[in-house]
């Protein structure tokens, strides 16, 4: 307990003037060069990144802008571990009417795609920055030579480049990222308030307290862990966030566990929406395709029909309840719960029907006596899920 508190206090000593990044520079349109691509429906570009070991870097990105006279809303897409710039991801958003850019954050360029568009071969190039992910063992290197520094910088530079393109509305751009990309989104959305919203999928902060990387922190030891946390853990930056955030995760995620996820989403000052899905798979295809993501983006940028909005929640000893806004009524509601304790990844989750009172706009369910953790999922007529916060007892 004392060690955890000490690490958190050390992390919070990073003030505005001590940010690793010079945000004023990252908000400028970076130099760029056209890049060749054989991927259909997208273009490719090199973006000038920050120096690495004294040498210039470039980041590879795919992008596409819908044709037409009106300026389109747009998305910055940040891949996770094992990933790179994904043409398929850009095409998905383009089909929904959005411009999009997917930027590589680990100094690679996708080679010829395999049968799986989410698993292209990746090659490092002559202008590569540091490799990902986490870069724990490199914590004693100069700050500007570490992966998190470069990955955050490149992601913000991709935003700056995209908003300068003809056909893009610079006032209607969001950001989403998957896994390590969700980790980066947590930081980027907290620092770059030009974004209209952020959608971290899986990824969050508080990694040294509970995550898939506890062995990495144990190997670092307390002092070096404190150094990593104070620079690179999203919890240091999330309280700066004030834009709307939509957080998506699964109950048994192997990397980003519910306790750390909850501590993370409680920090930003802007509105938040949760979608906590039972046993959601963890990979790039499953992290990119939830319909809730597209609907949320359209609500924020195109005045589309919103998700169910939970306005209040609570629980007694026997009952969990939530109130929802009248604009969208849930069609189904469930109590999600586990009787287990121990490792989050190993807990077995169950569901029970919850009652919907449309007059009072209230959802409620009886809590099984053995339940250790529980929350409510509200599903609308489109099958889209929003969630209350989970409660432990």
Protein backbone atom coordinates (compact mmCIF):
# COMPACT_ATOMS: atom_id res chain seq x y z
CA UNK A 1 0.00 0.00 0.00
CA UNK A 2 2.76 2.47 0.97
CA UNK A 3 4.77 1.63 -2.16
CA UNK A 4 1.73 2.19 -4.39
CA UNK A 5 0.99 5.53 -2.73
CA UNK A 6 4.63 6.58 -3.08
CA UNK A 7 4.70 5.79 -6.80
CA UNK A 8 1.49 7.71 -7.36
CA UNK A 9 2.76 10.78 -5.49
CA UNK A 10 5.99 10.70 -7.46
CA UNK A 11 4.00 10.48 -10.67
CA UNK A 12 1.95 13.53 -9.79
CA UNK A 13 5.02 15.72 -9.41
CA UNK A 14 5.07 16.26 -13.19
CA UNK A 15 3.67 19.78 -13.70
CA UNK A 16 2.70 21.66 -16.84
CA UNK A 17 6.16 23.15 -17.35
CA UNK A 18 7.73 19.70 -17.01
CA UNK A 19 5.88 17.98 -19.86
CA UNK A 20 8.24 15.86 -21.96
CA UNK A 21 6.64 17.28 -25.12
CA UNK A 22 6.64 20.83 -26.42
CA UNK A 23 2.99 20.88 -27.43
CA UNK A 24 3.26 24.16 -29.33
CA UNK A 25 5.62 22.46 -31.78
CA UNK A 26 3.40 19.38 -32.15
CA UNK A 27 0.40 21.57 -33.03
CA UNK A 28 2.18 22.83 -36.15
CA UNK A 29 1.61 21.05 -39.46
CA UNK A 30 4.59 18.71 -39.90
CA UNK A 31 6.59 18.42 -43.08
CA UNK A 32 5.36 15.51 -45.18
CA UNK A 33 6.22 13.48 -48.26
CA UNK A 34 3.99 11.32 -50.42
CA UNK A 35 4.64 7.62 -49.97
CA UNK A 36 3.91 4.83 -52.47
CA UNK A 37 1.20 2.30 -51.71
CA UNK A 38 -0.59 -0.56 -53.45
CA UNK A 39 -3.44 -0.56 -50.91
CA UNK A 40 -6.76 0.22 -52.65
CA UNK A 41 -8.85 3.16 -51.51
CA UNK A 42 -6.17 4.91 -49.47
CA UNK A 43 -3.12 7.09 -49.91
CA UNK A 44 0.14 7.00 -47.96
CA UNK A 45 2.32 9.72 -46.49
CA UNK A 46 5.53 10.17 -44.54
CA UNK A 47 5.31 12.60 -41.62
CA UNK A 48 8.37 14.28 -40.10
CA UNK A 49 8.72 13.14 -36.50
CA UNK A 50 10.93 14.20 -33.58
CA UNK A 51 14.67 13.41 -33.71
CA UNK A 52 15.84 10.04 -32.40
CA UNK A 53 19.42 9.78 -31.15
CA UNK A 54 20.13 13.03 -32.93
CA UNK A 55 18.81 11.88 -36.31
CA UNK A 56 15.58 12.89 -38.10
CA UNK A 57 12.67 10.47 -38.13
CA UNK A 58 9.64 9.92 -40.31
CA UNK A 59 6.41 8.11 -39.51
CA UNK A 60 4.47 6.20 -42.15
CA UNK A 61 0.70 6.65 -42.36
CA UNK A 62 -2.27 5.63 -44.48
CA UNK A 63 -5.07 8.14 -44.96
CA UNK A 64 -8.22 8.73 -46.99
CA UNK A 65 -10.61 11.65 -47.35
CA UNK A 66 -14.16 11.14 -48.67
CA UNK A 67 -14.83 12.86 -51.99
CA UNK A 68 -17.23 15.77 -52.09
CA UNK A 69 -17.50 19.50 -51.61
CA UNK A 70 -18.27 19.50 -47.90
CA UNK A 71 -15.43 19.19 -45.41
CA UNK A 72 -15.60 15.81 -43.70
CA UNK A 73 -15.30 14.91 -40.03
CA UNK A 74 -12.19 12.90 -39.33
CA UNK A 75 -10.48 10.38 -37.06
CA UNK A 76 -6.91 9.76 -35.94
CA UNK A 77 -6.38 6.01 -35.51
CA UNK A 78 -3.63 4.68 -33.20
CA UNK A 79 -2.69 1.00 -33.46
CA UNK A 80 -1.67 -1.28 -30.60
CA UNK A 81 0.98 -3.88 -29.94
CA UNK A 82 2.03 -5.92 -32.97
CA UNK A 83 0.37 -3.39 -35.24
CA UNK A 84 1.34 -0.65 -37.64
CA UNK A 85 -0.54 1.74 -39.92
CA UNK A 86 -3.65 -0.16 -41.05
CA UNK A 87 -5.20 0.60 -44.45
CA UNK A 88 -8.23 -1.51 -43.53
CA UNK A 89 -8.96 0.67 -40.51
CA UNK A 90 -8.87 3.82 -42.64
CA UNK A 91 -11.22 2.23 -45.17
CA UNK A 92 -13.68 1.31 -42.40
CA UNK A 93 -13.97 4.93 -41.29
CA UNK A 94 -14.04 6.21 -44.87
CA UNK A 95 -17.09 4.05 -45.58
CA UNK A 96 -18.79 5.72 -42.61
CA UNK A 97 -18.20 9.16 -44.12
CA UNK A 98 -15.09 10.09 -42.14
CA UNK A 99 -11.64 11.12 -43.25
CA UNK A 100 -9.07 9.09 -41.32
CA UNK A 101 -5.35 8.64 -40.79
CA UNK A 102 -3.68 5.55 -39.33
CA UNK A 103 -0.10 6.32 -38.32
CA UNK A 104 2.66 3.87 -37.41
CA UNK A 105 4.13 4.62 -33.96
CA UNK A 106 6.97 2.09 -33.81
CA UNK A 107 9.28 3.01 -36.67
CA UNK A 108 7.96 0.49 -39.18
CA UNK A 109 6.28 0.46 -42.57
CA UNK A 110 3.72 -2.20 -43.51
CA UNK A 111 4.93 -4.50 -46.25
CA UNK A 112 2.77 -6.60 -48.52
CA UNK A 113 -0.41 -7.51 -46.71
CA UNK A 114 -1.05 -11.13 -45.77
CA UNK A 115 -4.46 -12.74 -46.10
CA UNK A 116 -5.28 -10.91 -42.87
CA UNK A 117 -5.31 -7.12 -43.45
CA UNK A 118 -4.71 -6.67 -39.71
CA UNK A 119 -1.44 -8.58 -39.83
CA UNK A 120 0.84 -7.17 -42.54
CA UNK A 121 4.57 -7.75 -42.47
CA UNK A 122 6.39 -4.85 -40.82
CA UNK A 123 9.81 -3.54 -41.81
CA UNK A 124 11.92 -0.94 -40.06
CA UNK A 125 13.23 1.82 -42.30
CA UNK A 126 16.09 4.30 -42.43
CA UNK A 127 14.08 7.03 -40.67
CA UNK A 128 12.72 4.83 -37.85
CA UNK A 129 12.22 6.11 -34.35
CA UNK A 130 12.29 3.82 -31.30
CA UNK A 131 10.53 0.47 -31.39
CA UNK A 132 7.53 -0.23 -29.13
CA UNK A 133 5.90 -1.06 -26.83
CA UNK A 134 6.24 0.28 -23.29
CA UNK A 135 10.01 0.51 -23.69
CA UNK A 136 10.47 -0.31 -19.99
CA UNK A 137 14.12 -1.32 -20.25
CA UNK A 138 14.98 1.99 -21.94
CA UNK A 139 13.82 4.18 -19.04
CA UNK A 140 17.35 5.48 -18.34
CA UNK A 141 17.85 6.74 -21.90
CA UNK A 142 17.25 10.42 -22.75
CA UNK A 143 13.54 11.15 -22.55
CA UNK A 144 13.38 12.13 -26.22
CA UNK A 145 14.80 8.74 -27.24
CA UNK A 146 12.05 6.71 -25.54
CA UNK A 147 9.11 5.11 -27.28
CA UNK A 148 6.24 6.76 -25.40
CA UNK A 149 7.71 10.19 -26.14
CA UNK A 150 7.85 9.46 -29.87
CA UNK A 151 4.53 7.63 -30.08
CA UNK A 152 2.58 10.44 -28.41
CA UNK A 153 4.39 13.05 -30.52
CA UNK A 154 3.74 11.21 -33.78
CA UNK A 155 0.05 10.77 -32.92
CA UNK A 156 -0.42 14.49 -32.25
CA UNK A 157 1.56 15.38 -35.38
CA UNK A 158 -0.75 13.11 -37.40
CA UNK A 159 -3.67 15.14 -36.04
CA UNK A 160 -1.95 18.40 -36.97
CA UNK A 161 -1.30 17.14 -40.50
CA UNK A 162 -4.82 15.79 -41.00
CA UNK A 163 -6.56 18.97 -39.89
CA UNK A 164 -4.55 20.94 -42.48
CA UNK A 165 -5.78 18.82 -45.41
CA UNK A 166 -8.36 20.13 -47.87
CA UNK A 167 -11.60 18.24 -47.44
CA UNK A 168 -11.17 17.84 -43.67
CA UNK A 169 -13.08 19.89 -41.10
CA UNK A 170 -10.43 20.75 -38.47
CA UNK A 171 -13.12 21.42 -35.88
CA UNK A 172 -14.57 17.89 -36.14
CA UNK A 173 -11.81 15.39 -35.44
CA UNK A 174 -11.73 12.58 -32.88
CA UNK A 175 -9.11 10.03 -31.85
CA UNK A 176 -9.32 6.34 -31.05
CA UNK A 177 -6.71 3.71 -30.29
CA UNK A 178 -6.59 -0.01 -29.55
CA UNK A 179 -4.64 -1.62 -26.66
CA UNK A 180 -1.28 0.23 -26.53
CA UNK A 181 -3.05 2.60 -28.90
CA UNK A 182 -5.72 3.04 -26.23
CA UNK A 183 -2.94 3.78 -23.76
CA UNK A 184 -1.64 6.43 -26.20
CA UNK A 185 -5.16 7.77 -26.78
CA UNK A 186 -5.52 8.27 -23.03
CA UNK A 187 -2.46 10.56 -23.09
CA UNK A 188 -3.07 12.24 -26.44
CA UNK A 189 -6.71 13.09 -25.69
CA UNK A 190 -5.65 14.55 -22.35
CA UNK A 191 -3.00 16.82 -23.88
CA UNK A 192 -4.39 17.77 -27.30
CA UNK A 193 -7.63 19.60 -26.62
CA UNK A 194 -8.16 20.30 -30.32
CA UNK A 195 -9.74 16.84 -30.50
CA UNK A 196 -13.49 16.76 -30.04
CA UNK A 197 -13.41 13.42 -28.20
CA UNK A 198 -11.28 10.37 -27.43
CA UNK A 199 -12.10 6.64 -27.53
CA UNK A 200 -9.55 4.42 -25.77
CA UNK A 201 -10.26 0.75 -26.49
CA UNK A 202 -8.88 -1.54 -23.76
CA UNK A 203 -5.90 0.72 -23.02
CA UNK A 204 -5.67 2.84 -19.88
CA UNK A 205 -3.28 3.87 -17.13
CA UNK A 206 -2.27 2.73 -13.63
CA UNK A 207 -0.18 0.03 -15.29
CA UNK A 208 2.23 -0.40 -12.39
CA UNK A 209 -0.65 -1.13 -10.01
CA UNK A 210 -2.37 -3.88 -11.98
CA UNK A 211 -1.86 -4.83 -15.61
CA UNK A 212 -0.18 -7.43 -17.81
CA UNK A 213 3.18 -5.71 -17.18
CA UNK A 214 3.65 -6.20 -13.44
CA UNK A 215 6.69 -8.41 -14.08
CA UNK A 216 8.24 -5.60 -16.12
CA UNK A 217 7.83 -3.19 -13.23
CA UNK A 218 9.14 -5.73 -10.75
CA UNK A 219 12.27 -6.06 -12.90
CA UNK A 220 12.67 -2.27 -12.99
CA UNK A 221 12.53 -1.93 -9.20
CA UNK A 222 10.81 0.89 -7.24
CA UNK A 223 12.97 3.84 -8.32
CA UNK A 224 12.98 3.09 -12.04
CA UNK A 225 9.29 2.19 -11.91
CA UNK A 226 8.58 5.58 -10.34
CA UNK A 227 10.55 7.21 -13.15
CA UNK A 228 8.56 5.35 -15.82
CA UNK A 229 5.24 6.12 -14.14
CA UNK A 230 6.03 9.82 -13.69
CA UNK A 231 6.77 10.18 -17.41
CA UNK A 232 4.69 7.66 -19.28
CA UNK A 233 1.72 6.37 -17.30
CA UNK A 234 -1.55 7.94 -18.55
CA UNK A 235 -2.68 8.56 -14.97
CA UNK A 236 -0.23 11.47 -14.84
CA UNK A 237 -2.03 13.20 -17.73
CA UNK A 238 -5.66 12.05 -17.62
CA UNK A 239 -6.74 14.67 -15.08
CA UNK A 240 -5.81 17.31 -17.67
CA UNK A 241 -8.43 15.90 -20.03
CA UNK A 242 -11.62 17.87 -20.57
CA UNK A 243 -13.01 16.53 -23.86
CA UNK A 244 -15.69 13.78 -23.93
CA UNK A 245 -14.27 10.27 -23.59
CA UNK A 246 -15.80 6.93 -24.53
CA UNK A 247 -14.12 4.00 -22.80
CA UNK A 248 -14.51 0.41 -24.08
CA UNK A 249 -13.11 -2.71 -22.44
CA UNK A 250 -13.89 -6.34 -21.65
CA UNK A 251 -14.41 -7.94 -18.27
CA UNK A 252 -11.53 -10.38 -18.69
CA UNK A 253 -9.06 -8.31 -20.66
CA UNK A 254 -5.64 -9.90 -20.32
CA UNK A 255 -3.74 -6.59 -20.34
CA UNK A 256 -5.85 -3.74 -18.95
CA UNK A 257 -7.82 -4.90 -15.92
CA UNK A 258 -11.11 -3.38 -14.66
CA UNK A 259 -9.62 -1.80 -11.52
CA UNK A 260 -6.96 0.14 -13.45
CA UNK A 261 -9.47 0.93 -16.18
CA UNK A 262 -11.91 2.39 -13.66
CA UNK A 263 -9.23 4.46 -11.93
CA UNK A 264 -8.31 5.84 -15.35
CA UNK A 265 -11.74 6.80 -16.63
CA UNK A 266 -12.57 8.61 -13.40
CA UNK A 267 -9.74 11.14 -13.86
CA UNK A 268 -10.68 13.27 -16.92
CA UNK A 269 -12.95 16.24 -16.28
CA UNK A 270 -15.07 15.92 -19.41
CA UNK A 271 -18.19 13.77 -19.96
CA UNK A 272 -17.58 10.01 -20.05
CA UNK A 273 -19.42 7.04 -21.49
CA UNK A 274 -18.58 3.41 -20.73
CA UNK A 275 -19.09 0.16 -22.61
CA UNK A 276 -17.90 -2.71 -20.42
CA UNK A 277 -18.55 -5.86 -22.42
CA UNK A 278 -18.56 -9.36 -20.98
CA UNK A 279 -15.54 -11.34 -22.20
CA UNK A 280 -14.79 -8.96 -25.09
CA UNK A 281 -11.91 -10.32 -27.18
CA UNK A 282 -8.62 -8.40 -27.31
CA UNK A 283 -7.16 -7.83 -30.78
CA UNK A 284 -7.13 -5.23 -33.54
CA UNK A 285 -10.14 -6.54 -35.51
CA UNK A 286 -12.35 -6.83 -32.41
CA UNK A 287 -11.11 -3.52 -31.04
CA UNK A 288 -11.88 -1.66 -34.26
CA UNK A 289 -15.34 -2.95 -35.12
CA UNK A 290 -17.72 -2.28 -32.18
CA UNK A 291 -20.66 -0.35 -33.65
CA UNK A 292 -20.77 1.72 -30.46
CA UNK A 293 -17.55 3.45 -31.57
CA UNK A 294 -18.97 4.65 -34.88
CA UNK A 295 -22.29 5.70 -33.35
CA UNK A 296 -20.51 7.67 -30.63
CA UNK A 297 -18.33 9.42 -33.23
CA UNK A 298 -21.36 10.31 -35.35
CA UNK A 299 -23.16 11.63 -32.28
CA UNK A 300 -20.21 13.88 -31.48
CA UNK A 301 -19.38 15.04 -35.01
CA UNK A 302 -22.50 14.59 -37.13
CA UNK A 303 -25.38 15.02 -34.64
CA UNK A 304 -26.29 11.37 -35.11
CA UNK A 305 -28.65 9.39 -32.89
CA UNK A 306 -26.83 8.95 -29.57
CA UNK A 307 -26.16 5.95 -27.41
CA UNK A 308 -28.19 5.43 -24.26
CA UNK A 309 -26.99 7.98 -21.72
CA UNK A 310 -26.81 6.91 -18.09
CA UNK A 311 -27.41 9.91 -15.83
CA UNK A 312 -27.04 8.34 -12.38
CA UNK A 313 -26.33 4.99 -10.76
CA UNK A 314 -26.31 3.47 -7.31
CA UNK A 315 -26.77 0.33 -5.25
CA UNK A 316 -28.24 -0.83 -1.98
CA UNK A 317 -27.29 -4.07 -0.30
CA UNK A 318 -29.76 -5.95 -2.51
CA UNK A 319 -30.35 -3.82 -5.61
CA UNK A 320 -28.31 -2.18 -8.38
CA UNK A 321 -30.01 0.65 -10.25
CA UNK A 322 -29.39 3.29 -12.90
CA UNK A 323 -31.29 6.20 -14.42
CA UNK A 324 -31.09 7.05 -18.11
CA UNK A 325 -31.83 10.10 -20.26
CA UNK A 326 -35.19 10.12 -22.03
CA UNK A 327 -33.75 10.63 -25.52
CA UNK A 328 -32.87 6.94 -26.07
CA UNK A 329 -34.67 4.15 -24.21
CA UNK A 330 -32.88 0.83 -23.66
CA UNK A 331 -34.56 -2.24 -25.10
CA UNK A 332 -32.76 -4.65 -22.78
CA UNK A 333 -30.84 -4.40 -19.53
CA UNK A 334 -28.71 -6.91 -17.66
CA UNK A 335 -26.92 -7.20 -14.36
CA UNK A 336 -23.38 -8.42 -15.03
CA UNK A 337 -21.65 -9.94 -12.02
CA UNK A 338 -18.95 -12.27 -10.77
CA UNK A 339 -18.81 -14.24 -7.56
CA UNK A 340 -15.05 -14.58 -7.87
CA UNK A 341 -12.12 -12.67 -6.43
CA UNK A 342 -8.46 -12.93 -7.32
CA UNK A 343 -7.00 -12.20 -10.76
CA UNK A 344 -9.42 -10.23 -12.87
CA UNK A 345 -8.49 -12.20 -15.97
CA UNK A 346 -9.63 -15.47 -14.39
CA UNK A 347 -12.98 -14.41 -12.95
CA UNK A 348 -16.15 -15.97 -14.33
CA UNK A 349 -18.86 -13.45 -15.24
CA UNK A 350 -22.58 -14.13 -15.34
CA UNK A 351 -25.60 -12.07 -16.41
CA UNK A 352 -29.19 -11.77 -15.18
CA UNK A 353 -32.08 -9.79 -16.69
CA UNK A 354 -32.68 -6.33 -15.22
CA UNK A 355 -36.02 -4.51 -15.13
CA UNK A 356 -36.66 -1.36 -17.17
CA UNK A 357 -39.22 1.15 -15.90
CA UNK A 358 -39.83 3.47 -18.86
CA UNK A 359 -41.94 5.94 -16.86
CA UNK A 360 -39.24 6.66 -14.29
CA UNK A 361 -36.46 5.88 -16.80
CA UNK A 362 -34.95 3.52 -14.24
CA UNK A 363 -33.19 0.18 -14.62
CA UNK A 364 -32.84 -2.12 -11.63
CA UNK A 365 -31.78 -5.64 -10.71
CA UNK A 366 -31.47 -7.77 -7.61
CA UNK A 367 -27.84 -8.43 -6.68
CA UNK A 368 -27.09 -12.11 -5.96
CA UNK A 369 -25.81 -12.48 -2.38
CA UNK A 370 -22.52 -14.05 -3.51
CA UNK A 371 -21.70 -11.35 -6.09
CA UNK A 372 -18.30 -9.73 -5.46
CA UNK A 373 -18.42 -7.28 -8.38
CA UNK A 374 -21.42 -6.11 -10.42
CA UNK A 375 -22.62 -3.47 -12.88
CA UNK A 376 -25.48 -2.88 -15.32
CA UNK A 377 -25.43 -3.06 -19.12
CA UNK A 378 -28.11 -1.16 -21.04
CA UNK A 379 -28.69 -2.18 -24.66
CA UNK A 380 -30.70 -0.14 -27.18
CA UNK A 381 -32.75 -1.29 -30.17
CA UNK A 382 -29.59 -1.31 -32.33
CA UNK A 383 -27.85 -3.76 -29.97
CA UNK A 384 -25.45 -1.09 -28.69
CA UNK A 385 -24.20 -1.41 -25.12
CA UNK A 386 -23.47 1.24 -22.51
CA UNK A 387 -22.53 0.43 -18.93
CA UNK A 388 -22.59 1.75 -15.41
CA UNK A 389 -19.40 1.73 -13.39
CA UNK A 390 -18.65 -1.61 -11.77
CA UNK A 391 -18.98 -1.83 -7.99
CA UNK A 392 -16.88 -4.09 -5.78
CA UNK A 393 -18.04 -5.34 -2.41
